[in-house]
Protein backbone atom coordinates (compact mmCIF):
# COMPACT_ATOMS: atom_id res chain seq x y z
CA MET A 1 132.70 156.64 91.12
CA SER A 2 135.09 153.87 90.22
CA ILE A 3 135.65 150.17 90.05
CA LEU A 4 136.70 149.02 93.56
CA LYS A 5 137.52 145.44 92.76
CA LYS A 6 137.60 143.41 89.52
CA GLN A 7 137.83 139.65 89.40
CA LEU A 8 137.10 136.71 87.07
CA ILE A 9 134.85 134.07 88.62
CA GLU A 10 133.88 131.02 86.52
CA GLY A 11 134.28 132.95 83.30
CA LEU A 12 132.33 135.96 84.49
CA GLU A 13 133.90 139.35 85.09
CA VAL A 14 132.67 140.62 88.48
CA CYS A 15 133.24 144.24 89.45
CA ASP A 16 132.42 145.98 92.76
CA ILE A 17 131.44 149.57 92.01
CA ASP A 18 131.74 152.72 94.10
CA SER A 19 128.42 154.34 93.23
CA SER A 20 125.39 155.77 94.96
CA ASP A 21 122.98 153.31 93.25
CA LEU A 22 125.14 150.51 91.71
CA LYS A 23 126.77 147.86 93.86
CA ARG A 24 128.22 145.29 91.38
CA SER A 25 128.36 144.40 87.72
CA ILE A 26 128.70 140.91 86.31
CA TYR A 27 129.48 140.47 82.67
CA ASP A 28 129.23 137.29 80.65
CA GLU A 29 131.10 137.87 77.39
CA SER A 30 129.80 134.62 75.83
CA THR A 31 126.10 135.62 76.15
CA LYS A 32 126.69 139.38 76.10
CA GLU A 33 124.65 139.69 79.34
CA LEU A 34 125.42 142.41 81.90
CA ILE A 35 123.93 141.83 85.34
CA ILE A 36 123.68 144.91 87.54
CA GLU A 37 123.17 144.51 91.32
CA PHE A 38 121.83 147.63 92.91
CA LYS A 39 122.54 148.82 96.47
CA LYS A 40 118.89 148.15 97.31
CA GLY A 41 119.52 144.49 96.61
CA THR A 42 117.75 143.99 93.29
CA LYS A 43 119.45 142.46 90.29
CA TYR A 44 118.64 143.03 86.65
CA GLY A 45 120.08 141.40 83.50
CA TYR A 46 120.64 143.44 80.34
CA LYS A 47 121.36 141.94 76.94
CA PRO A 48 122.85 142.14 74.46
CA VAL A 49 125.51 144.43 75.84
CA SER A 50 128.50 144.47 73.46
CA GLU A 51 132.03 144.22 74.79
CA MET A 52 132.66 147.81 73.54
CA ILE A 53 129.71 149.21 75.59
CA TYR A 54 130.80 147.21 78.64
CA GLN A 55 134.36 148.49 78.45
CA LYS A 56 133.07 152.09 78.12
CA PHE A 57 130.92 151.41 81.17
CA LEU A 58 133.90 150.25 83.21
CA THR A 59 136.12 153.16 82.17
CA SER A 60 133.47 155.88 82.50
CA SER A 61 133.99 158.58 85.10
CA SER A 62 130.50 157.70 86.35
CA GLN A 63 129.30 154.16 85.89
CA GLY A 64 125.81 155.17 87.14
CA LYS A 65 125.39 157.94 84.62
CA PHE A 66 126.79 155.84 81.75
CA PHE A 67 124.57 152.94 82.74
CA VAL A 68 121.44 155.04 82.56
CA ALA A 69 122.38 156.80 79.28
CA ALA A 70 123.85 153.94 77.25
CA ILE A 71 122.38 150.72 78.70
CA LYS A 72 119.12 151.27 80.68
CA ASN A 73 117.66 153.72 78.11
CA ASN A 74 118.91 151.75 75.07
CA ARG A 75 115.89 150.35 73.26
CA GLU A 76 117.98 147.58 71.67
CA ILE A 77 118.94 146.18 75.11
CA VAL A 78 116.39 144.00 76.85
CA CYS A 79 116.09 144.19 80.62
CA SER A 80 114.87 141.36 82.84
CA LYS A 81 114.57 141.30 86.66
CA ILE A 82 116.55 138.62 88.30
CA SER A 83 115.80 139.24 91.94
């Protein structure tokens, strides 16, 4: 797994991800929200996700495994379905 493409769009960091489940991440540093778009087409927002956790997510050898361990299963981070 790896980051395929990273770009800044209207103040948001958008990354296309090479993963079996994750398609794209969108991070808003000002609100500390991380949006994950899954390959199935659903999107979820997670907050607050600190800059440190987000950077570890990007540099992890497996974004999917890191996401589950450090973000999805983190009781301090609230998840909301976007679509």
